[in-house]
Amino acid sequence: MQRVLIIATDGFEQSELMEPLRLLKHAGAEVSIASLKPGTIRGWDQKDWGQSVAVDLVIEDVSCEDYDALLLPGGQMNPDILRTKPKVIALIREFDAAQKPIAAICHAPWLLVETDIIEGRTLTGWPSIRTDLANAGAAVVDEEVVVDGNFITSRKPDDIPAFVQALMAALNMEAAQQAA
């Protein structure tokens, strides 16, 4: 069974956490959500606060060795808060050093900018962060999903099916039939 870690905090884009979570679990992955605090975190659903999701563990208790991949949902607030947390950035660097898949969607590639590990890599993301990606040395493209080594990036919620499919492929998982 593949183990996937999702790192998020209050303000995650609801669809970008909930739908990958659902699809990965449906395909048989064990998925854990780590955050800055125990309890629950609340999503952002388009224009207002959305659903809450239970946190399985706090960032300080996460070990890269316990997971096969890292998933970073977007939302504007979520990655903007997380990129200021040294432990989060250190974990992303650990996943990269271990060459484990790192899947980041929408605004989440902002977190990759903070890690100083994207120079020379090809990525995509939400239009408003593309200049940040380019300034950090990435080649930026406007595509549904981009796979460059262990990095998997997508632009927006509409890209979630391709995004999750690429992550499953990186983990050698078969997508569960009719996961709808």
C-alpha atoms as a PDB file:
ATOM      1  CA  MET A   1       0.000   0.000   0.000  1.00  0.00           C
ATOM      2  CA  GLN A   2       1.298   3.419  -0.956  1.00  0.00           C
ATOM      3  CA  ARG A   3       1.395   6.077   1.758  1.00  0.00           C
ATOM      4  CA  VAL A   4       0.762   9.697   0.783  1.00  0.00           C
ATOM      5  CA  LEU A   5       1.232  12.710   3.031  1.00  0.00           C
ATOM      6  CA  ILE A   6      -0.860  15.837   2.495  1.00  0.00           C
ATOM      7  CA  ILE A   7       0.432  19.013   4.152  1.00  0.00           C
ATOM      8  CA  ALA A   8      -2.178  21.746   4.561  1.00  0.00           C
ATOM      9  CA  THR A   9      -3.485  24.394   6.923  1.00  0.00           C
ATOM     10  CA  ASP A  10      -6.565  26.590   7.222  1.00  0.00           C
ATOM     11  CA  GLY A  11      -7.455  28.099   3.869  1.00  0.00           C
ATOM     12  CA  PHE A  12      -6.576  25.132   1.654  1.00  0.00           C
ATOM     13  CA  GLU A  13      -8.571  25.064  -1.576  1.00  0.00           C
ATOM     14  CA  GLN A  14     -11.265  22.580  -0.621  1.00  0.00           C
ATOM     15  CA  SER A  15     -11.448  20.715  -3.939  1.00  0.00           C
ATOM     16  CA  GLU A  16      -7.656  20.432  -4.179  1.00  0.00           C
ATOM     17  CA  LEU A  17      -7.437  18.537  -0.897  1.00  0.00           C
ATOM     18  CA  MET A  18     -10.761  16.695  -0.702  1.00  0.00           C
ATOM     19  CA  GLU A  19     -10.889  15.320  -4.249  1.00  0.00           C
ATOM     20  CA  PRO A  20      -7.285  13.992  -4.377  1.00  0.00           C
ATOM     21  CA  LEU A  21      -7.845  12.543  -0.889  1.00  0.00           C
ATOM     22  CA  ARG A  22     -10.979  10.762  -2.082  1.00  0.00           C
ATOM     23  CA  LEU A  23      -9.401   9.480  -5.308  1.00  0.00           C
ATOM     24  CA  LEU A  24      -6.217   8.272  -3.628  1.00  0.00           C
ATOM     25  CA  LYS A  25      -8.117   6.459  -0.875  1.00  0.00           C
ATOM     26  CA  HIS A  26     -10.452   4.921  -3.449  1.00  0.00           C
ATOM     27  CA  ALA A  27      -7.401   3.590  -5.296  1.00  0.00           C
ATOM     28  CA  GLY A  28      -6.106   2.005  -2.078  1.00  0.00           C
ATOM     29  CA  ALA A  29      -3.565   4.538  -0.820  1.00  0.00           C
ATOM     30  CA  GLU A  30      -3.169   5.323   2.849  1.00  0.00           C
ATOM     31  CA  VAL A  31      -3.376   9.106   3.130  1.00  0.00           C
ATOM     32  CA  SER A  32      -2.429  11.226   6.155  1.00  0.00           C
ATOM     33  CA  ILE A  33      -3.045  14.942   6.627  1.00  0.00           C
ATOM     34  CA  ALA A  34      -0.405  16.911   8.508  1.00  0.00           C
ATOM     35  CA  SER A  35      -0.829  20.497   9.643  1.00  0.00           C
ATOM     36  CA  LEU A  36       0.571  23.140  11.944  1.00  0.00           C
ATOM     37  CA  LYS A  37      -1.853  22.299  14.757  1.00  0.00           C
ATOM     38  CA  PRO A  38      -3.862  19.256  15.862  1.00  0.00           C
ATOM     39  CA  GLY A  39      -7.621  19.040  15.483  1.00  0.00           C
ATOM     40  CA  THR A  40      -9.185  20.206  12.251  1.00  0.00           C
ATOM     41  CA  ILE A  41      -8.345  22.619   9.454  1.00  0.00           C
ATOM     42  CA  ARG A  42     -10.887  24.474   7.384  1.00  0.00           C
ATOM     43  CA  GLY A  43     -11.009  24.647   3.610  1.00  0.00           C
ATOM     44  CA  TRP A  44     -11.778  27.571   1.376  1.00  0.00           C
ATOM     45  CA  ASP A  45     -14.542  26.779  -1.109  1.00  0.00           C
ATOM     46  CA  GLN A  46     -14.388  29.267  -3.970  1.00  0.00           C
ATOM     47  CA  LYS A  47     -15.569  32.438  -2.205  1.00  0.00           C
ATOM     48  CA  ASP A  48     -16.118  31.454   1.417  1.00  0.00           C
ATOM     49  CA  TRP A  49     -15.043  29.061   4.139  1.00  0.00           C
ATOM     50  CA  GLY A  50     -15.839  25.452   3.364  1.00  0.00           C
ATOM     51  CA  GLN A  51     -15.623  22.106   5.084  1.00  0.00           C
ATOM     52  CA  SER A  52     -13.219  21.141   7.825  1.00  0.00           C
ATOM     53  CA  VAL A  53     -11.016  18.073   7.685  1.00  0.00           C
ATOM     54  CA  ALA A  54      -9.393  16.185  10.538  1.00  0.00           C
ATOM     55  CA  VAL A  55      -5.641  16.511  10.997  1.00  0.00           C
ATOM     56  CA  ASP A  56      -3.872  13.172  11.491  1.00  0.00           C
ATOM     57  CA  LEU A  57      -0.588  14.571  12.791  1.00  0.00           C
ATOM     58  CA  VAL A  58       1.279  17.822  13.289  1.00  0.00           C
ATOM     59  CA  ILE A  59       4.194  18.784  11.064  1.00  0.00           C
ATOM     60  CA  GLU A  60       6.722  18.303  13.883  1.00  0.00           C
ATOM     61  CA  ASP A  61       5.768  14.597  14.061  1.00  0.00           C
ATOM     62  CA  VAL A  62       6.175  13.892  10.323  1.00  0.00           C
ATOM     63  CA  SER A  63       9.008  11.746   9.028  1.00  0.00           C
ATOM     64  CA  CYS A  64       9.674  11.615   5.290  1.00  0.00           C
ATOM     65  CA  GLU A  65      10.678   7.956   5.642  1.00  0.00           C
ATOM     66  CA  ASP A  66       7.091   7.060   6.567  1.00  0.00           C
ATOM     67  CA  TYR A  67       5.645   8.183   3.205  1.00  0.00           C
ATOM     68  CA  ASP A  68       5.984   7.397  -0.474  1.00  0.00           C
ATOM     69  CA  ALA A  69       4.803  10.787  -1.778  1.00  0.00           C
ATOM     70  CA  LEU A  70       3.876  14.322  -0.746  1.00  0.00           C
ATOM     71  CA  LEU A  71       0.774  16.170  -1.939  1.00  0.00           C
ATOM     72  CA  LEU A  72       0.465  19.938  -1.540  1.00  0.00           C
ATOM     73  CA  PRO A  73      -3.008  21.407  -2.180  1.00  0.00           C
ATOM     74  CA  GLY A  74      -3.314  25.028  -3.176  1.00  0.00           C
ATOM     75  CA  GLY A  75      -5.603  27.816  -2.236  1.00  0.00           C
ATOM     76  CA  GLN A  76      -4.135  31.260  -1.831  1.00  0.00           C
ATOM     77  CA  MET A  77      -3.934  31.320   1.981  1.00  0.00           C
ATOM     78  CA  ASN A  78      -2.724  27.769   2.589  1.00  0.00           C
ATOM     79  CA  PRO A  79       0.663  27.836   0.796  1.00  0.00           C
ATOM     80  CA  ASP A  80       1.257  31.469   1.723  1.00  0.00           C
ATOM     81  CA  ILE A  81       1.084  30.505   5.414  1.00  0.00           C
ATOM     82  CA  LEU A  82       2.989  27.224   5.036  1.00  0.00           C
ATOM     83  CA  ARG A  83       5.894  28.722   3.080  1.00  0.00           C
ATOM     84  CA  THR A  84       6.870  30.760   6.143  1.00  0.00           C
ATOM     85  CA  LYS A  85       7.286  27.618   8.293  1.00  0.00           C
ATOM     86  CA  PRO A  86      10.871  26.255   8.289  1.00  0.00           C
ATOM     87  CA  LYS A  87       9.780  22.699   9.203  1.00  0.00           C
ATOM     88  CA  VAL A  88       7.425  22.556   6.196  1.00  0.00           C
ATOM     89  CA  ILE A  89      10.171  23.735   3.843  1.00  0.00           C
ATOM     90  CA  ALA A  90      12.620  21.246   5.378  1.00  0.00           C
ATOM     91  CA  LEU A  91      10.145  18.394   4.826  1.00  0.00           C
ATOM     92  CA  ILE A  92       9.665  19.303   1.180  1.00  0.00           C
ATOM     93  CA  ARG A  93      13.440  19.323   0.738  1.00  0.00           C
ATOM     94  CA  GLU A  94      13.629  15.881   2.410  1.00  0.00           C
ATOM     95  CA  PHE A  95      11.042  14.442   0.005  1.00  0.00           C
ATOM     96  CA  ASP A  96      13.005  15.903  -2.910  1.00  0.00           C
ATOM     97  CA  ALA A  97      16.354  14.583  -1.638  1.00  0.00           C
ATOM     98  CA  ALA A  98      14.749  11.137  -1.349  1.00  0.00           C
ATOM     99  CA  GLN A  99      13.421  11.526  -4.929  1.00  0.00           C
ATOM    100  CA  LYS A 100       9.878  10.863  -3.731  1.00  0.00           C
ATOM    101  CA  PRO A 101       7.012  12.349  -5.762  1.00  0.00           C
ATOM    102  CA  ILE A 102       5.996  15.871  -4.762  1.00  0.00           C
ATOM    103  CA  ALA A 103       2.617  16.862  -6.218  1.00  0.00           C
ATOM    104  CA  ALA A 104       1.700  20.563  -5.977  1.00  0.00           C
ATOM    105  CA  ILE A 105      -1.394  22.167  -7.488  1.00  0.00           C
ATOM    106  CA  CYS A 106      -2.580  25.739  -8.071  1.00  0.00           C
ATOM    107  CA  HIS A 107      -0.817  28.090  -5.580  1.00  0.00           C
ATOM    108  CA  ALA A 108       1.059  25.220  -3.861  1.00  0.00           C
ATOM    109  CA  PRO A 109       4.153  25.506  -6.103  1.00  0.00           C
ATOM    110  CA  TRP A 110       4.842  28.679  -4.062  1.00  0.00           C
ATOM    111  CA  LEU A 111       6.098  26.219  -1.454  1.00  0.00           C
ATOM    112  CA  LEU A 112       8.574  24.831  -3.985  1.00  0.00           C
ATOM    113  CA  VAL A 113       9.903  28.351  -4.606  1.00  0.00           C
ATOM    114  CA  GLU A 114      10.855  28.603  -0.921  1.00  0.00           C
ATOM    115  CA  THR A 115      12.840  25.358  -1.057  1.00  0.00           C
ATOM    116  CA  ASP A 116      15.413  26.530  -3.641  1.00  0.00           C
ATOM    117  CA  ILE A 117      15.046  23.198  -5.488  1.00  0.00           C
ATOM    118  CA  ILE A 118      13.220  24.216  -8.683  1.00  0.00           C
ATOM    119  CA  GLU A 119      15.969  25.849 -10.708  1.00  0.00           C
ATOM    120  CA  GLY A 120      16.106  24.225 -14.129  1.00  0.00           C
ATOM    121  CA  ARG A 121      12.877  22.274 -13.571  1.00  0.00           C
ATOM    122  CA  THR A 122       9.689  22.607 -15.641  1.00  0.00           C
ATOM    123  CA  LEU A 123       6.580  23.444 -13.616  1.00  0.00           C
ATOM    124  CA  THR A 124       3.119  24.905 -13.885  1.00  0.00           C
ATOM    125  CA  GLY A 125       0.843  26.623 -11.395  1.00  0.00           C
ATOM    126  CA  TRP A 126      -1.878  29.209 -10.981  1.00  0.00           C
ATOM    127  CA  PRO A 127      -1.214  32.182 -13.314  1.00  0.00           C
ATOM    128  CA  SER A 128      -0.486  34.646 -10.478  1.00  0.00           C
ATOM    129  CA  ILE A 129       2.474  32.597  -9.180  1.00  0.00           C
ATOM    130  CA  ARG A 130       4.127  31.841 -12.525  1.00  0.00           C
ATOM    131  CA  THR A 131       6.424  34.865 -12.296  1.00  0.00           C
ATOM    132  CA  ASP A 132       7.579  33.650  -8.863  1.00  0.00           C
ATOM    133  CA  LEU A 133       8.307  30.210 -10.325  1.00  0.00           C
ATOM    134  CA  ALA A 134      10.256  31.738 -13.224  1.00  0.00           C
ATOM    135  CA  ASN A 135      12.184  34.058 -10.890  1.00  0.00           C
ATOM    136  CA  ALA A 136      13.215  30.990  -8.873  1.00  0.00           C
ATOM    137  CA  GLY A 137      14.683  29.471 -12.046  1.00  0.00           C
ATOM    138  CA  ALA A 138      11.918  27.165 -13.235  1.00  0.00           C
ATOM    139  CA  ALA A 139      10.762  26.856 -16.815  1.00  0.00           C
ATOM    140  CA  VAL A 140       7.045  27.637 -16.585  1.00  0.00           C
ATOM    141  CA  VAL A 141       4.425  26.195 -18.911  1.00  0.00           C
ATOM    142  CA  ASP A 142       0.632  26.421 -19.097  1.00  0.00           C
ATOM    143  CA  GLU A 143      -0.379  22.751 -19.140  1.00  0.00           C
ATOM    144  CA  GLU A 144      -2.908  20.610 -17.268  1.00  0.00           C
ATOM    145  CA  VAL A 145      -0.207  18.583 -15.544  1.00  0.00           C
ATOM    146  CA  VAL A 146       3.578  18.726 -15.748  1.00  0.00           C
ATOM    147  CA  VAL A 147       5.815  15.906 -14.587  1.00  0.00           C
ATOM    148  CA  ASP A 148       9.515  16.758 -14.243  1.00  0.00           C
ATOM    149  CA  GLY A 149      11.406  14.080 -12.385  1.00  0.00           C
ATOM    150  CA  ASN A 150       9.734  13.726  -9.003  1.00  0.00           C
ATOM    151  CA  PHE A 151       7.753  16.991  -9.360  1.00  0.00           C
ATOM    152  CA  ILE A 152       4.104  16.874 -10.444  1.00  0.00           C
ATOM    153  CA  THR A 153       2.407  20.255 -10.841  1.00  0.00           C
ATOM    154  CA  SER A 154      -0.997  21.415 -12.060  1.00  0.00           C
ATOM    155  CA  ARG A 155      -2.702  24.771 -12.525  1.00  0.00           C
ATOM    156  CA  LYS A 156      -6.201  24.667 -11.027  1.00  0.00           C
ATOM    157  CA  PRO A 157      -9.092  22.555  -9.703  1.00  0.00           C
ATOM    158  CA  ASP A 158     -10.161  21.554 -13.230  1.00  0.00           C
ATOM    159  CA  ASP A 159      -6.803  19.761 -13.546  1.00  0.00           C
ATOM    160  CA  ILE A 160      -7.373  17.495 -10.510  1.00  0.00           C
ATOM    161  CA  PRO A 161      -8.149  14.300 -12.479  1.00  0.00           C
ATOM    162  CA  ALA A 162      -4.929  14.551 -14.515  1.00  0.00           C
ATOM    163  CA  PHE A 163      -2.998  15.684 -11.419  1.00  0.00           C
ATOM    164  CA  VAL A 164      -4.065  12.680  -9.336  1.00  0.00           C
ATOM    165  CA  GLN A 165      -3.589  10.313 -12.281  1.00  0.00           C
ATOM    166  CA  ALA A 166       0.015  11.548 -12.656  1.00  0.00           C
ATOM    167  CA  LEU A 167       0.647  11.050  -8.929  1.00  0.00           C
ATOM    168  CA  MET A 168      -0.789   7.534  -9.084  1.00  0.00           C
ATOM    169  CA  ALA A 169       1.410   6.770 -12.088  1.00  0.00           C
ATOM    170  CA  ALA A 170       4.472   7.998 -10.186  1.00  0.00           C
ATOM    171  CA  LEU A 171       3.521   5.642  -7.351  1.00  0.00           C
ATOM    172  CA  ASN A 172       2.831   2.759  -9.754  1.00  0.00           C
ATOM    173  CA  MET A 173      -0.778   2.685  -8.577  1.00  0.00           C
ATOM    174  CA  GLU A 174      -3.676   1.830 -10.815  1.00  0.00           C
ATOM    175  CA  ALA A 175      -6.536   4.265 -10.654  1.00  0.00           C
ATOM    176  CA  ALA A 176      -9.615   2.620  -9.228  1.00  0.00           C
ATOM    177  CA  GLN A 177     -12.169   2.143 -11.988  1.00  0.00           C
ATOM    178  CA  GLN A 178     -15.051   4.592 -11.957  1.00  0.00           C
ATOM    179  CA  ALA A 179     -13.776   6.539  -8.921  1.00  0.00           C
ATOM    180  CA  ALA A 180     -16.584   9.072  -9.348  1.00  0.00           C
END
